[in-house]
Amino acid sequence: MDSSGKLVRDRIPEIIRVEGREPITYAASPVEYRRRLREKLTEEVAEFLSADDAAAQGELADVLEVVRALATNPGIDPAGLEESRRAKYRERGGFTRRIVWTGNHPSAE
């Protein structure tokens, strides 16, 4: 198990070979894979947050891909994840109304 390197999409080694280089890779153990997915999520979120409007969709797609992999790894079905999202939406709503909460009025407490 190597502490260097980073988790990459499945076709990256193939793309590197097409470019005429030979990648050095290995398959992570399940424990390392979960850790590296969490690291990847942090990386992809940071890239999304620093992206301009033109690049935002692609970066957000990367975040979504990592989230799907994270959900699948402990055996969460993507349909089940979506149902959990819907249940939270029904219970608490979404974020479309742009509401920012700053606290409660002292007189109401």
N, C-alpha and C. Protein backbone atom coordinates (compact mmCIF):
# COMPACT_ATOMS: atom_id res chain seq x y z
N MET A 1 0.84 -1.17 0.00
CA MET A 1 0.00 0.00 0.00
C MET A 1 0.89 1.24 0.00
N ASP A 2 0.74 2.09 -0.98
CA ASP A 2 1.56 3.26 -1.16
C ASP A 2 0.82 4.48 -0.64
N SER A 3 1.49 5.30 0.17
CA SER A 3 0.84 6.49 0.69
C SER A 3 0.85 7.64 -0.30
N SER A 4 1.65 7.53 -1.36
CA SER A 4 1.65 8.57 -2.38
C SER A 4 0.64 8.21 -3.45
N GLY A 5 0.56 9.02 -4.46
CA GLY A 5 -0.38 8.77 -5.53
C GLY A 5 -1.75 9.31 -5.18
N LYS A 6 -2.67 9.13 -6.10
CA LYS A 6 -4.03 9.57 -5.85
C LYS A 6 -5.00 8.69 -6.63
N LEU A 7 -6.20 8.61 -6.13
CA LEU A 7 -7.25 7.85 -6.78
C LEU A 7 -7.63 8.57 -8.07
N VAL A 8 -7.68 7.82 -9.17
CA VAL A 8 -8.05 8.40 -10.46
C VAL A 8 -9.18 7.59 -11.08
N ARG A 9 -9.84 8.19 -12.03
CA ARG A 9 -10.91 7.50 -12.75
C ARG A 9 -10.35 6.28 -13.47
N ASP A 10 -11.21 5.30 -13.69
CA ASP A 10 -10.81 4.00 -14.22
C ASP A 10 -10.08 4.04 -15.56
N ARG A 11 -10.41 4.99 -16.41
CA ARG A 11 -9.81 5.01 -17.74
C ARG A 11 -8.53 5.84 -17.83
N ILE A 12 -8.12 6.47 -16.73
CA ILE A 12 -6.94 7.32 -16.77
C ILE A 12 -5.68 6.55 -17.20
N PRO A 13 -5.41 5.34 -16.67
CA PRO A 13 -4.23 4.61 -17.16
C PRO A 13 -4.27 4.37 -18.68
N GLU A 14 -5.43 4.05 -19.21
CA GLU A 14 -5.59 3.84 -20.65
C GLU A 14 -5.28 5.12 -21.42
N ILE A 15 -5.77 6.24 -20.93
CA ILE A 15 -5.53 7.53 -21.58
C ILE A 15 -4.04 7.87 -21.55
N ILE A 16 -3.38 7.58 -20.44
CA ILE A 16 -1.94 7.83 -20.33
C ILE A 16 -1.18 6.97 -21.34
N ARG A 17 -1.60 5.70 -21.51
CA ARG A 17 -0.94 4.81 -22.49
C ARG A 17 -1.10 5.33 -23.91
N VAL A 18 -2.29 5.82 -24.24
CA VAL A 18 -2.55 6.37 -25.57
C VAL A 18 -1.62 7.55 -25.84
N GLU A 19 -1.28 8.27 -24.79
CA GLU A 19 -0.35 9.41 -24.92
C GLU A 19 1.10 8.97 -25.03
N GLY A 20 1.35 7.65 -24.99
CA GLY A 20 2.70 7.13 -25.18
C GLY A 20 3.51 6.98 -23.90
N ARG A 21 2.85 7.09 -22.74
CA ARG A 21 3.55 6.92 -21.47
C ARG A 21 3.04 5.65 -20.80
N GLU A 22 3.77 5.15 -19.83
CA GLU A 22 3.37 3.93 -19.12
C GLU A 22 3.07 4.28 -17.65
N PRO A 23 1.80 4.20 -17.24
CA PRO A 23 1.44 4.55 -15.87
C PRO A 23 1.85 3.47 -14.87
N ILE A 24 2.16 3.89 -13.67
CA ILE A 24 2.43 2.96 -12.56
C ILE A 24 1.20 3.04 -11.66
N THR A 25 0.51 1.91 -11.52
CA THR A 25 -0.74 1.90 -10.76
C THR A 25 -0.83 0.64 -9.90
N TYR A 26 -1.78 0.63 -9.00
CA TYR A 26 -2.16 -0.56 -8.26
C TYR A 26 -3.59 -0.39 -7.82
N ALA A 27 -4.25 -1.48 -7.48
CA ALA A 27 -5.62 -1.44 -6.99
C ALA A 27 -5.59 -1.31 -5.46
N ALA A 28 -6.28 -0.31 -4.95
CA ALA A 28 -6.33 -0.08 -3.50
C ALA A 28 -7.12 -1.18 -2.81
N SER A 29 -6.74 -1.46 -1.59
CA SER A 29 -7.53 -2.38 -0.75
C SER A 29 -8.86 -1.69 -0.43
N PRO A 30 -9.86 -2.43 0.01
CA PRO A 30 -11.14 -1.79 0.36
C PRO A 30 -11.00 -0.66 1.39
N VAL A 31 -10.16 -0.85 2.40
CA VAL A 31 -9.98 0.18 3.42
C VAL A 31 -9.31 1.42 2.82
N GLU A 32 -8.26 1.19 2.04
CA GLU A 32 -7.57 2.32 1.41
C GLU A 32 -8.49 3.01 0.42
N TYR A 33 -9.28 2.25 -0.32
CA TYR A 33 -10.21 2.81 -1.30
C TYR A 33 -11.19 3.76 -0.63
N ARG A 34 -11.77 3.37 0.49
CA ARG A 34 -12.71 4.25 1.20
C ARG A 34 -12.00 5.53 1.65
N ARG A 35 -10.79 5.39 2.17
CA ARG A 35 -10.04 6.57 2.61
C ARG A 35 -9.74 7.49 1.43
N ARG A 36 -9.28 6.89 0.34
CA ARG A 36 -8.93 7.69 -0.83
C ARG A 36 -10.16 8.33 -1.47
N LEU A 37 -11.32 7.68 -1.41
CA LEU A 37 -12.54 8.30 -1.92
C LEU A 37 -12.89 9.55 -1.12
N ARG A 38 -12.73 9.46 0.19
CA ARG A 38 -13.00 10.64 1.03
C ARG A 38 -12.02 11.77 0.69
N GLU A 39 -10.76 11.43 0.49
CA GLU A 39 -9.77 12.43 0.08
C GLU A 39 -10.15 13.03 -1.27
N LYS A 40 -10.60 12.17 -2.17
CA LYS A 40 -10.98 12.62 -3.52
C LYS A 40 -12.17 13.57 -3.45
N LEU A 41 -13.10 13.29 -2.56
CA LEU A 41 -14.26 14.18 -2.42
C LEU A 41 -13.80 15.57 -2.00
N THR A 42 -12.89 15.63 -1.03
CA THR A 42 -12.35 16.92 -0.60
C THR A 42 -11.68 17.64 -1.76
N GLU A 43 -10.88 16.90 -2.53
CA GLU A 43 -10.18 17.47 -3.69
C GLU A 43 -11.17 18.02 -4.71
N GLU A 44 -12.18 17.21 -5.04
CA GLU A 44 -13.13 17.62 -6.08
C GLU A 44 -14.01 18.79 -5.62
N VAL A 45 -14.39 18.80 -4.35
CA VAL A 45 -15.18 19.93 -3.84
C VAL A 45 -14.34 21.21 -3.91
N ALA A 46 -13.07 21.13 -3.53
CA ALA A 46 -12.19 22.31 -3.60
C ALA A 46 -12.07 22.80 -5.05
N GLU A 47 -11.96 21.88 -6.00
CA GLU A 47 -11.87 22.28 -7.41
C GLU A 47 -13.17 22.94 -7.86
N PHE A 48 -14.31 22.41 -7.42
CA PHE A 48 -15.59 23.03 -7.76
C PHE A 48 -15.68 24.43 -7.17
N LEU A 49 -15.29 24.58 -5.91
CA LEU A 49 -15.41 25.87 -5.25
C LEU A 49 -14.52 26.94 -5.89
N SER A 50 -13.41 26.53 -6.48
CA SER A 50 -12.52 27.50 -7.11
C SER A 50 -12.78 27.65 -8.62
N ALA A 51 -13.70 26.88 -9.16
CA ALA A 51 -13.97 26.92 -10.61
C ALA A 51 -14.78 28.15 -10.99
N ASP A 52 -14.52 28.64 -12.19
CA ASP A 52 -15.37 29.71 -12.71
C ASP A 52 -16.66 29.09 -13.26
N ASP A 53 -17.57 29.92 -13.69
CA ASP A 53 -18.87 29.43 -14.15
C ASP A 53 -18.74 28.45 -15.32
N ALA A 54 -17.77 28.68 -16.19
CA ALA A 54 -17.60 27.81 -17.36
C ALA A 54 -17.18 26.40 -16.97
N ALA A 55 -16.38 26.27 -15.91
CA ALA A 55 -15.87 24.97 -15.50
C ALA A 55 -16.71 24.32 -14.39
N ALA A 56 -17.64 25.05 -13.81
CA ALA A 56 -18.38 24.57 -12.65
C ALA A 56 -19.14 23.27 -12.91
N GLN A 57 -19.79 23.14 -14.06
CA GLN A 57 -20.57 21.94 -14.34
C GLN A 57 -19.69 20.70 -14.37
N GLY A 58 -18.55 20.78 -15.02
CA GLY A 58 -17.64 19.64 -15.09
C GLY A 58 -17.09 19.27 -13.72
N GLU A 59 -16.77 20.27 -12.92
CA GLU A 59 -16.25 20.00 -11.58
C GLU A 59 -17.34 19.40 -10.69
N LEU A 60 -18.56 19.89 -10.83
CA LEU A 60 -19.66 19.33 -10.04
C LEU A 60 -19.97 17.90 -10.47
N ALA A 61 -19.79 17.59 -11.76
CA ALA A 61 -19.94 16.22 -12.23
C ALA A 61 -18.91 15.31 -11.58
N ASP A 62 -17.70 15.81 -11.38
CA ASP A 62 -16.66 15.04 -10.68
C ASP A 62 -17.08 14.78 -9.23
N VAL A 63 -17.62 15.79 -8.56
CA VAL A 63 -18.10 15.62 -7.19
C VAL A 63 -19.17 14.54 -7.15
N LEU A 64 -20.11 14.61 -8.09
CA LEU A 64 -21.20 13.63 -8.13
C LEU A 64 -20.67 12.21 -8.36
N GLU A 65 -19.68 12.06 -9.20
CA GLU A 65 -19.10 10.74 -9.46
C GLU A 65 -18.47 10.16 -8.20
N VAL A 66 -17.77 11.01 -7.44
CA VAL A 66 -17.17 10.55 -6.19
C VAL A 66 -18.25 10.21 -5.17
N VAL A 67 -19.29 11.01 -5.08
CA VAL A 67 -20.39 10.73 -4.15
C VAL A 67 -21.03 9.39 -4.50
N ARG A 68 -21.24 9.13 -5.77
CA ARG A 68 -21.83 7.84 -6.17
C ARG A 68 -20.92 6.68 -5.78
N ALA A 69 -19.61 6.84 -5.97
CA ALA A 69 -18.67 5.79 -5.58
C ALA A 69 -18.68 5.59 -4.07
N LEU A 70 -18.73 6.69 -3.32
CA LEU A 70 -18.79 6.60 -1.85
C LEU A 70 -20.05 5.87 -1.41
N ALA A 71 -21.15 6.14 -2.06
CA ALA A 71 -22.41 5.49 -1.70
C ALA A 71 -22.38 4.01 -2.02
N THR A 72 -21.81 3.64 -3.15
CA THR A 72 -21.78 2.25 -3.58
C THR A 72 -20.84 1.43 -2.71
N ASN A 73 -19.74 2.04 -2.26
CA ASN A 73 -18.73 1.29 -1.53
C ASN A 73 -19.25 0.61 -0.27
N PRO A 74 -20.02 1.29 0.61
CA PRO A 74 -20.54 0.55 1.76
C PRO A 74 -21.86 -0.16 1.44
N GLY A 75 -22.22 -0.21 0.16
CA GLY A 75 -23.40 -0.94 -0.24
C GLY A 75 -24.68 -0.13 -0.26
N ILE A 76 -24.57 1.18 -0.36
CA ILE A 76 -25.76 2.02 -0.48
C ILE A 76 -26.17 2.04 -1.95
N ASP A 77 -27.37 1.61 -2.22
CA ASP A 77 -27.89 1.61 -3.57
C ASP A 77 -28.14 3.04 -4.03
N PRO A 78 -27.71 3.42 -5.24
CA PRO A 78 -27.96 4.79 -5.72
C PRO A 78 -29.43 5.18 -5.65
N ALA A 79 -30.32 4.24 -5.93
CA ALA A 79 -31.76 4.54 -5.82
C ALA A 79 -32.13 4.81 -4.36
N GLY A 80 -31.53 4.07 -3.44
CA GLY A 80 -31.78 4.30 -2.02
C GLY A 80 -31.25 5.65 -1.57
N LEU A 81 -30.09 6.04 -2.10
CA LEU A 81 -29.52 7.35 -1.80
C LEU A 81 -30.46 8.45 -2.29
N GLU A 82 -30.96 8.27 -3.49
CA GLU A 82 -31.89 9.26 -4.04
C GLU A 82 -33.17 9.31 -3.21
N GLU A 83 -33.66 8.18 -2.74
CA GLU A 83 -34.85 8.18 -1.90
C GLU A 83 -34.58 8.89 -0.57
N SER A 84 -33.40 8.71 0.00
CA SER A 84 -33.03 9.44 1.22
C SER A 84 -33.01 10.94 0.96
N ARG A 85 -32.49 11.33 -0.19
CA ARG A 85 -32.47 12.75 -0.55
C ARG A 85 -33.89 13.29 -0.66
N ARG A 86 -34.76 12.53 -1.32
CA ARG A 86 -36.15 12.96 -1.48
C ARG A 86 -36.87 13.07 -0.14
N ALA A 87 -36.62 12.11 0.75
CA ALA A 87 -37.25 12.15 2.07
C ALA A 87 -36.82 13.39 2.83
N LYS A 88 -35.53 13.72 2.79
CA LYS A 88 -35.06 14.94 3.44
C LYS A 88 -35.66 16.18 2.79
N TYR A 89 -35.81 16.13 1.48
CA TYR A 89 -36.43 17.25 0.76
C TYR A 89 -37.87 17.45 1.22
N ARG A 90 -38.61 16.34 1.32
CA ARG A 90 -40.01 16.44 1.77
C ARG A 90 -40.09 16.96 3.20
N GLU A 91 -39.18 16.51 4.05
CA GLU A 91 -39.20 16.89 5.46
C GLU A 91 -38.70 18.31 5.71
N ARG A 92 -37.62 18.68 5.03
CA ARG A 92 -36.96 19.96 5.33
C ARG A 92 -36.86 20.91 4.15
N GLY A 93 -37.23 20.44 2.95
CA GLY A 93 -37.14 21.28 1.77
C GLY A 93 -35.77 21.19 1.12
N GLY A 94 -35.61 22.01 0.09
CA GLY A 94 -34.34 22.05 -0.63
C GLY A 94 -33.61 23.35 -0.35
N PHE A 95 -32.93 23.85 -1.34
CA PHE A 95 -32.18 25.09 -1.19
C PHE A 95 -32.55 26.11 -2.26
N THR A 96 -33.67 25.93 -2.93
CA THR A 96 -34.04 26.77 -4.07
C THR A 96 -34.51 28.17 -3.68
N ARG A 97 -34.98 28.34 -2.45
CA ARG A 97 -35.49 29.65 -2.04
C ARG A 97 -34.41 30.57 -1.49
N ARG A 98 -33.18 30.09 -1.43
CA ARG A 98 -32.01 30.91 -1.05
C ARG A 98 -32.14 31.50 0.35
N ILE A 99 -32.76 30.79 1.28
CA ILE A 99 -32.97 31.29 2.63
C ILE A 99 -31.68 31.20 3.43
N VAL A 100 -31.32 32.29 4.09
CA VAL A 100 -30.17 32.34 4.98
C VAL A 100 -30.69 32.60 6.39
N TRP A 101 -30.44 31.71 7.31
CA TRP A 101 -30.88 31.85 8.70
C TRP A 101 -29.78 32.52 9.50
N THR A 102 -30.13 33.54 10.26
CA THR A 102 -29.14 34.26 11.06
C THR A 102 -29.42 34.15 12.54
N GLY A 103 -30.37 33.35 12.95
CA GLY A 103 -30.69 33.19 14.35
C GLY A 103 -32.17 33.41 14.62
N ASN A 104 -32.56 33.47 15.88
CA ASN A 104 -33.95 33.68 16.28
C ASN A 104 -34.06 34.99 17.04
N HIS A 105 -35.23 35.64 16.95
CA HIS A 105 -35.48 36.86 17.72
C HIS A 105 -35.55 36.50 19.19
N PRO A 106 -34.88 37.27 20.04
CA PRO A 106 -34.89 36.98 21.47
C PRO A 106 -36.30 36.94 22.06
N SER A 107 -37.20 37.74 21.55
CA SER A 107 -38.57 37.79 22.09
C SER A 107 -39.35 36.52 21.81
N ALA A 108 -38.93 35.73 20.83
CA ALA A 108 -39.62 34.50 20.47
C ALA A 108 -39.14 33.31 21.27
N GLU A 109 -38.14 33.49 22.12
CA GLU A 109 -37.59 32.37 22.86
C GLU A 109 -38.02 32.36 24.28
